[in-house]
Each structure stands twice: as structure tokens, then as C-alpha cells.
């Protein structure tokens, strides 16, 4: 049963990737303009119609849309993302340079968001003061309404300019990631904390919790031993979905803090209508999103004994 479950989830993930590739290809084909003409019709190159036609043929732009789709799809399956018209280098080279910084930032932001959500949810349950509990549980509503770009600018203004804790110019490798990570983590932590707090409140009303408390278990022990595992399942689901928003936030955050990554690469590609680069960015982002959600699906049997016994895992 578990093998069937794994195959089913993997098949769905591959179908989503194919749909993302196809949708992005169609939408990029519908965009007005031509990246090849934008670059090579420049009078500085002094190229005639025949030379431009040869260049279009070299890039495969003179074939039918269906042939371009097949060629691009087969190239992606083999790891060949094509060539950037503007940079004149393989797209994979640009991805190799810009993808690791974005993945590092997104990974740190995701981990910080999970940590912040867990701390908010459990501290609000463990505190004895009602006013503190109400204040902590109101923070997610505030965090979720804050735009990423505004939060980044405010953090720079307060932490760097006013307090002087982190330099704006030439910060250390990891020091320079503190503010971008917080900028990403705070809006993502908000919905996670809201769902986790609601789930904890629901689980605390279950009979098995009352039985455990009647046997003399402390509130802290009940929360960690019984409540946490039952409350975390819906949170895992929304965490996987929010990873897509995290990638979008990373692009904006990189622009605010002037970081190299997929954000700057995408911005240049949009300005130059470099469809090969845009297609690769969409597919890579979709792959990361699908992979995270696949991992979440595979973690469900670990946290849910009912599903684990049904799958025989």
C-alpha cells in the first residue's frame, strides 16, 4: 500500500510539473515582442535581414510553435534549458550562479518561519497571563498584513540605520542574510501560527487530553506529548503550500536588499523578454514547490498513525 501511495503522489507531482511547464510555455509564446529582434535589430550590430534570419534559425525561433514546444520539453528533460538570447550563454550557467543564493535565502526563511510559528503558538498556550496570550495570538494577524517590501525597508531603517546592529554596506556573508531572512519569515510565519494555534485549541478539547490531565499530567507534558503531533498535520499541509509564496517573496526580498539570485535574474529576463530564462525560472520554482509538497505528503504517515497503519508503513 505504501508503494502505491508513493507512486500516486509522485505521479501527481510529475503531472503538476508538466502542467506548469506547458502553461508557462504557452503564456510566454503569447507575449508581444521578440527577444532576438530586441537585441539584434540594434543598429550598432549592423545586421541585415538575412543575418537576423540565420540567428533566428540558430535559436530555433523559425520553427512552428509545436516543434519549439517539443524541442524545449525534450531539452528540459535532459537538463538542457537552452540559451539566453541577451547573455549569449547557456541558461543553466545563469541558474548555477543565481539559484544557490535564492535557495539558501528561501531555506533560511522557511526554517525561521516554522520556528517563529511554533514559538508563538506554544508560548501563547503555556503562559499564565491572559493579556500576554491575547497579545501573542494577535501578532499573526498583524504579520500577515505587512507587505514584504515594506517590512524589508523598515528593518533596514531600524536595525541598520538607527540601531547600527547590521551594516548596510559590505556586511558579512551570514550577517547580510539576517534581515532578508526575517523579511521572508515574518509574513510566512503568520498563517502557520494562526493554524497551529487553532489546531492546538481544538485538540485540547479532545477526551484523551482530559484523561491525561486527570491522571496528573502537567499542561506542558500534555502539549508536547499528545497535542503537538495531532496539531501539526494541518500545519504541514499549509507549510507546503506557502513555500510557493516564499519563493515569490524571495524575489522581492532580493530586490529590496540588492542580493544576487533568481530575483535579479528574473528582473533582467522580463526586461529583455528572454523567454528561455523565464521558462527555466518558472520550471525550477515549480520543481521546488512540488518537491516540498511531495515531502509533506510523505511525512503524513510519520505523524498520523491511522494513515501509517492503513498504508502498512
Protein backbone atom coordinates (compact mmCIF):
# COMPACT_ATOMS: atom_id res chain seq x y z
CA UNK A 1 0.00 0.00 0.00
CA UNK A 2 2.78 2.43 0.81
CA UNK A 3 4.42 1.80 -2.58
CA UNK A 4 1.09 2.58 -4.26
CA UNK A 5 0.72 5.74 -2.15
CA UNK A 6 4.27 6.82 -3.07
CA UNK A 7 3.70 6.13 -6.77
CA UNK A 8 0.42 8.04 -6.73
CA UNK A 9 1.93 11.10 -5.08
CA UNK A 10 4.98 11.03 -7.38
CA UNK A 11 2.73 10.75 -10.45
CA UNK A 12 0.70 13.74 -9.30
CA UNK A 13 3.90 15.73 -8.75
CA UNK A 14 5.13 14.96 -12.28
CA UNK A 15 1.73 15.93 -13.72
CA UNK A 16 1.88 19.29 -11.92
CA UNK A 17 5.38 19.91 -13.28
CA UNK A 18 4.25 19.13 -16.83
CA UNK A 19 1.25 21.46 -16.43
CA UNK A 20 3.49 24.25 -15.08
CA UNK A 21 5.90 23.81 -18.00
CA UNK A 22 3.11 23.81 -20.59
CA UNK A 23 1.26 26.78 -19.11
CA UNK A 24 4.44 28.88 -18.88
CA UNK A 25 5.44 27.95 -22.44
CA UNK A 26 2.04 28.99 -23.84
CA UNK A 27 1.93 32.25 -21.88
CA UNK A 28 5.46 33.21 -22.87
CA UNK A 29 4.67 32.50 -26.53
CA UNK A 30 1.69 34.86 -26.30
CA UNK A 31 3.82 37.75 -25.05
CA UNK A 32 4.30 40.55 -27.59
CA UNK A 33 7.80 41.24 -28.85
CA UNK A 34 10.75 39.07 -29.77
CA UNK A 35 13.92 38.82 -27.66
CA UNK A 36 16.05 38.11 -30.74
CA UNK A 37 14.79 41.17 -32.60
CA UNK A 38 15.08 43.32 -29.47
CA UNK A 39 18.78 42.53 -29.24
CA UNK A 40 19.95 42.10 -32.82
CA UNK A 41 17.95 44.84 -34.56
CA UNK A 42 20.15 47.30 -32.70
CA UNK A 43 21.86 49.47 -35.37
CA UNK A 44 25.16 49.03 -33.53
CA UNK A 45 25.31 45.41 -34.72
CA UNK A 46 24.77 46.39 -38.36
CA UNK A 47 22.99 43.12 -39.18
CA UNK A 48 20.85 42.67 -42.27
CA UNK A 49 17.63 40.68 -42.61
CA UNK A 50 19.47 37.53 -43.73
CA UNK A 51 21.86 37.57 -40.78
CA UNK A 52 18.94 38.02 -38.36
CA UNK A 53 17.08 35.18 -40.08
CA UNK A 54 20.13 32.95 -39.60
CA UNK A 55 20.27 33.88 -35.92
CA UNK A 56 16.58 33.04 -35.53
CA UNK A 57 17.22 29.69 -37.18
CA UNK A 58 20.13 29.03 -34.81
CA UNK A 59 17.85 29.63 -31.81
CA UNK A 60 15.06 27.53 -33.36
CA UNK A 61 12.71 30.53 -33.47
CA UNK A 62 11.85 29.96 -37.15
CA UNK A 63 10.07 26.64 -36.49
CA UNK A 64 6.43 26.08 -35.58
CA UNK A 65 5.21 26.56 -32.01
CA UNK A 66 4.57 22.81 -31.68
CA UNK A 67 8.13 22.00 -32.77
CA UNK A 68 9.50 24.57 -30.33
CA UNK A 69 7.39 23.03 -27.54
CA UNK A 70 8.70 19.53 -28.28
CA UNK A 71 12.30 20.71 -28.54
CA UNK A 72 12.07 22.72 -25.32
CA UNK A 73 10.36 19.90 -23.41
CA UNK A 74 12.94 17.32 -24.51
CA UNK A 75 15.71 19.76 -23.63
CA UNK A 76 14.34 20.29 -20.12
CA UNK A 77 14.01 16.55 -19.58
CA UNK A 78 17.68 16.15 -20.49
CA UNK A 79 18.80 19.12 -18.39
CA UNK A 80 19.32 21.47 -21.33
CA UNK A 81 17.48 24.76 -20.64
CA UNK A 82 18.56 26.43 -23.87
CA UNK A 83 20.50 29.67 -24.36
CA UNK A 84 19.88 33.14 -23.05
CA UNK A 85 19.47 35.48 -26.02
CA UNK A 86 20.64 38.54 -24.10
CA UNK A 87 23.58 36.98 -22.25
CA UNK A 88 24.59 34.63 -25.05
CA UNK A 89 25.37 31.83 -22.57
CA UNK A 90 23.52 28.65 -21.56
CA UNK A 91 20.60 29.31 -19.21
CA UNK A 92 21.96 26.61 -16.91
CA UNK A 93 25.03 28.78 -16.34
CA UNK A 94 22.88 31.67 -15.10
CA UNK A 95 20.86 29.30 -12.90
CA UNK A 96 24.02 27.78 -11.43
CA UNK A 97 25.14 31.26 -10.38
CA UNK A 98 21.83 32.67 -9.14
CA UNK A 99 19.88 29.67 -7.84
CA UNK A 100 22.02 28.74 -4.78
CA UNK A 101 21.70 32.18 -3.11
CA UNK A 102 17.92 32.11 -3.57
CA UNK A 103 17.60 28.57 -2.24
CA UNK A 104 19.75 29.47 0.76
CA UNK A 105 17.61 32.51 1.50
CA UNK A 106 14.35 30.61 0.99
CA UNK A 107 15.55 27.71 3.16
CA UNK A 108 16.59 30.01 6.00
CA UNK A 109 13.34 31.96 5.72
CA UNK A 110 11.26 28.77 5.78
CA UNK A 111 13.08 27.41 8.82
CA UNK A 112 12.79 30.74 10.63
CA UNK A 113 9.06 30.94 9.79
CA UNK A 114 8.43 27.46 11.21
CA UNK A 115 10.40 28.27 14.36
CA UNK A 116 8.61 31.58 14.87
CA UNK A 117 5.18 29.98 14.34
CA UNK A 118 5.89 27.17 16.82
CA UNK A 119 7.23 29.58 19.45
CA UNK A 120 4.22 31.89 19.12
CA UNK A 121 1.71 29.04 19.26
CA UNK A 122 3.15 27.14 22.22
CA UNK A 123 4.25 30.12 24.31
CA UNK A 124 0.73 31.55 23.98
CA UNK A 125 -0.60 28.25 25.34
CA UNK A 126 1.92 27.93 28.17
CA UNK A 127 1.75 31.48 29.52
CA UNK A 128 -0.28 32.07 32.67
CA UNK A 129 -1.18 35.66 31.83
CA UNK A 130 -4.26 36.16 29.73
CA UNK A 131 -3.12 39.52 28.40
CA UNK A 132 0.14 38.01 27.11
CA UNK A 133 -1.70 35.13 25.48
CA UNK A 134 -4.06 37.57 23.74
CA UNK A 135 -1.13 39.72 22.60
CA UNK A 136 0.81 36.75 21.20
CA UNK A 137 -2.23 35.37 19.40
CA UNK A 138 -2.91 38.75 17.81
CA UNK A 139 0.59 39.01 16.33
CA UNK A 140 -0.09 36.68 13.34
CA UNK A 141 -2.95 38.93 12.19
CA UNK A 142 -0.51 41.84 12.21
CA UNK A 143 2.30 39.93 10.50
CA UNK A 144 0.10 38.63 7.68
CA UNK A 145 -0.98 42.15 6.68
CA UNK A 146 2.56 43.51 6.30
CA UNK A 147 3.87 43.71 2.69
CA UNK A 148 7.25 42.08 2.18
CA UNK A 149 8.90 45.11 0.56
CA UNK A 150 7.68 47.48 3.32
CA UNK A 151 8.87 45.13 6.05
CA UNK A 152 12.30 44.87 4.45
CA UNK A 153 12.66 48.64 4.19
CA UNK A 154 11.54 49.11 7.81
CA UNK A 155 14.03 46.51 9.07
CA UNK A 156 16.85 48.25 7.21
CA UNK A 157 15.76 51.62 8.60
CA UNK A 158 15.50 50.44 12.23
CA UNK A 159 18.13 47.71 12.59
CA UNK A 160 20.81 49.10 10.28
CA UNK A 161 20.39 52.88 10.23
CA UNK A 162 19.03 53.63 13.71
CA UNK A 163 20.45 50.82 15.86
CA UNK A 164 23.55 50.13 13.73
CA UNK A 165 23.49 46.42 14.51
CA UNK A 166 23.97 45.22 10.93
CA UNK A 167 25.90 47.30 8.37
CA UNK A 168 24.17 48.03 5.09
CA UNK A 169 27.43 48.22 3.12
CA UNK A 170 29.66 45.14 2.93
CA UNK A 171 28.09 43.01 5.68
CA UNK A 172 29.48 39.53 6.40
CA UNK A 173 28.26 36.56 4.38
CA UNK A 174 25.83 35.32 7.03
CA UNK A 175 25.33 38.70 8.68
CA UNK A 176 23.89 40.01 5.44
CA UNK A 177 21.24 37.28 5.46
CA UNK A 178 19.74 38.14 8.86
CA UNK A 179 17.42 40.93 7.71
CA UNK A 180 16.37 39.24 4.42
CA UNK A 181 15.59 36.05 6.36
CA UNK A 182 13.42 37.94 8.85
CA UNK A 183 11.72 39.78 5.99
CA UNK A 184 10.76 36.45 4.43
CA UNK A 185 9.95 34.61 7.65
CA UNK A 186 7.56 37.01 9.37
CA UNK A 187 4.75 37.07 6.74
CA UNK A 188 5.04 33.28 6.22
CA UNK A 189 5.02 32.55 9.95
CA UNK A 190 1.71 34.39 10.40
CA UNK A 191 -0.68 31.90 8.74
CA UNK A 192 1.33 28.97 10.12
CA UNK A 193 0.95 30.32 13.66
CA UNK A 194 -2.77 31.03 13.16
CA UNK A 195 -3.46 27.47 12.02
CA UNK A 196 -1.26 25.93 14.71
CA UNK A 197 -2.95 27.95 17.47
CA UNK A 198 -6.42 26.97 16.22
CA UNK A 199 -5.43 23.30 15.94
CA UNK A 200 -3.96 23.29 19.45
CA UNK A 201 -7.18 24.78 20.84
CA UNK A 202 -9.22 22.09 19.05
CA UNK A 203 -7.01 19.20 20.20
CA UNK A 204 -7.09 20.44 23.81
CA UNK A 205 -10.87 19.83 23.83
CA UNK A 206 -10.48 16.16 22.91
CA UNK A 207 -11.32 13.48 25.54
CA UNK A 208 -7.84 11.93 25.54
CA UNK A 209 -6.41 15.26 26.73
CA UNK A 210 -8.86 15.37 29.64
CA UNK A 211 -7.91 11.78 30.54
CA UNK A 212 -4.20 12.64 30.51
CA UNK A 213 -4.76 15.70 32.72
CA UNK A 214 -6.93 13.62 35.09
CA UNK A 215 -4.01 11.20 35.51
CA UNK A 216 -1.89 14.07 36.79
CA UNK A 217 -0.01 15.08 33.63
CA UNK A 218 1.12 18.69 33.52
CA UNK A 219 -0.10 21.06 30.80
CA UNK A 220 3.41 21.27 29.34
CA UNK A 221 3.73 17.48 29.13
CA UNK A 222 0.29 17.13 27.52
CA UNK A 223 1.10 19.81 24.95
CA UNK A 224 4.35 18.19 23.82
CA UNK A 225 3.36 14.53 24.21
CA UNK A 226 -0.23 14.48 22.95
CA UNK A 227 -1.24 17.79 21.42
CA UNK A 228 1.76 18.69 19.25
CA UNK A 229 1.66 15.64 16.97
CA UNK A 230 -2.10 15.94 16.39
CA UNK A 231 -1.97 19.70 15.79
CA UNK A 232 0.97 19.68 13.39
CA UNK A 233 -0.65 17.76 10.49
CA UNK A 234 -2.77 20.61 9.03
CA UNK A 235 0.15 22.96 9.63
CA UNK A 236 2.40 20.75 7.49
CA UNK A 237 -0.07 21.00 4.62
CA UNK A 238 -0.27 24.78 4.68
CA UNK A 239 3.52 24.98 5.10
CA UNK A 240 3.99 23.17 1.81
CA UNK A 241 1.51 25.45 0.06
CA UNK A 242 3.14 28.57 1.49
CA UNK A 243 6.51 27.56 0.06
CA UNK A 244 5.36 28.93 -3.30
CA UNK A 245 4.66 32.28 -1.65
CA UNK A 246 8.07 32.05 -0.02
CA UNK A 247 9.78 31.83 -3.43
CA UNK A 248 7.82 34.86 -4.66
CA UNK A 249 8.77 36.71 -1.50
CA UNK A 250 12.41 35.80 -2.02
CA UNK A 251 12.39 37.51 -5.41
CA UNK A 252 11.02 40.73 -3.87
CA UNK A 253 13.37 40.50 -0.89
CA UNK A 254 16.41 40.14 -3.14
CA UNK A 255 15.36 43.31 -4.95
CA UNK A 256 14.93 45.24 -1.68
CA UNK A 257 18.30 44.17 -0.25
CA UNK A 258 20.19 44.18 -3.56
CA UNK A 259 21.03 40.48 -3.40
CA UNK A 260 22.03 38.36 -6.36
CA UNK A 261 19.67 35.47 -7.06
CA UNK A 262 16.67 34.42 -9.10
CA UNK A 263 15.10 37.80 -8.37
CA UNK A 264 17.70 39.79 -10.27
CA UNK A 265 17.86 37.12 -12.99
CA UNK A 266 14.08 37.23 -13.45
CA UNK A 267 14.00 41.02 -13.46
CA UNK A 268 16.59 41.18 -16.25
CA UNK A 269 14.84 38.44 -18.23
CA UNK A 270 11.48 40.22 -18.04
CA UNK A 271 13.02 43.50 -19.21
CA UNK A 272 14.72 41.76 -22.13
CA UNK A 273 11.85 39.32 -22.86
CA UNK A 274 14.36 36.49 -22.55
CA UNK A 275 11.82 33.65 -22.70
CA UNK A 276 14.35 30.84 -22.27
CA UNK A 277 15.45 32.25 -18.91
CA UNK A 278 11.87 32.94 -17.77
CA UNK A 279 10.80 29.42 -18.72
CA UNK A 280 13.67 27.93 -16.74
CA UNK A 281 12.92 30.09 -13.68
CA UNK A 282 9.26 29.05 -13.72
CA UNK A 283 10.07 25.35 -14.04
CA UNK A 284 12.78 25.44 -11.36
CA UNK A 285 10.44 27.28 -8.97
CA UNK A 286 7.65 24.82 -9.73
CA UNK A 287 10.03 21.91 -9.12
CA UNK A 288 11.00 23.26 -5.71
CA UNK A 289 7.34 23.84 -4.83
CA UNK A 290 6.29 20.35 -5.95
CA UNK A 291 9.22 18.71 -4.16
CA UNK A 292 8.37 20.38 -0.84
CA UNK A 293 4.72 19.34 -1.13
CA UNK A 294 5.74 15.80 -2.03
CA UNK A 295 7.92 15.65 1.08
CA UNK A 296 4.97 16.91 3.15
CA UNK A 297 2.71 14.19 1.69
CA UNK A 298 5.30 11.54 2.53
CA UNK A 299 5.63 12.86 6.09
CA UNK A 300 1.93 12.40 6.79
CA UNK A 301 2.24 8.68 7.61
CA UNK A 302 5.05 9.53 10.05
CA UNK A 303 2.82 11.83 12.12
CA UNK A 304 -0.53 10.10 11.61
CA UNK A 305 -0.65 6.53 13.00
CA UNK A 306 -4.02 5.92 11.34
CA UNK A 307 -2.64 6.62 7.87
CA UNK A 308 0.53 4.68 8.68
CA UNK A 309 -1.41 1.56 9.67
CA UNK A 310 -3.68 1.86 6.64
CA UNK A 311 -0.68 2.06 4.31
CA UNK A 312 1.18 -0.68 6.16
CA UNK A 313 4.25 1.57 6.50
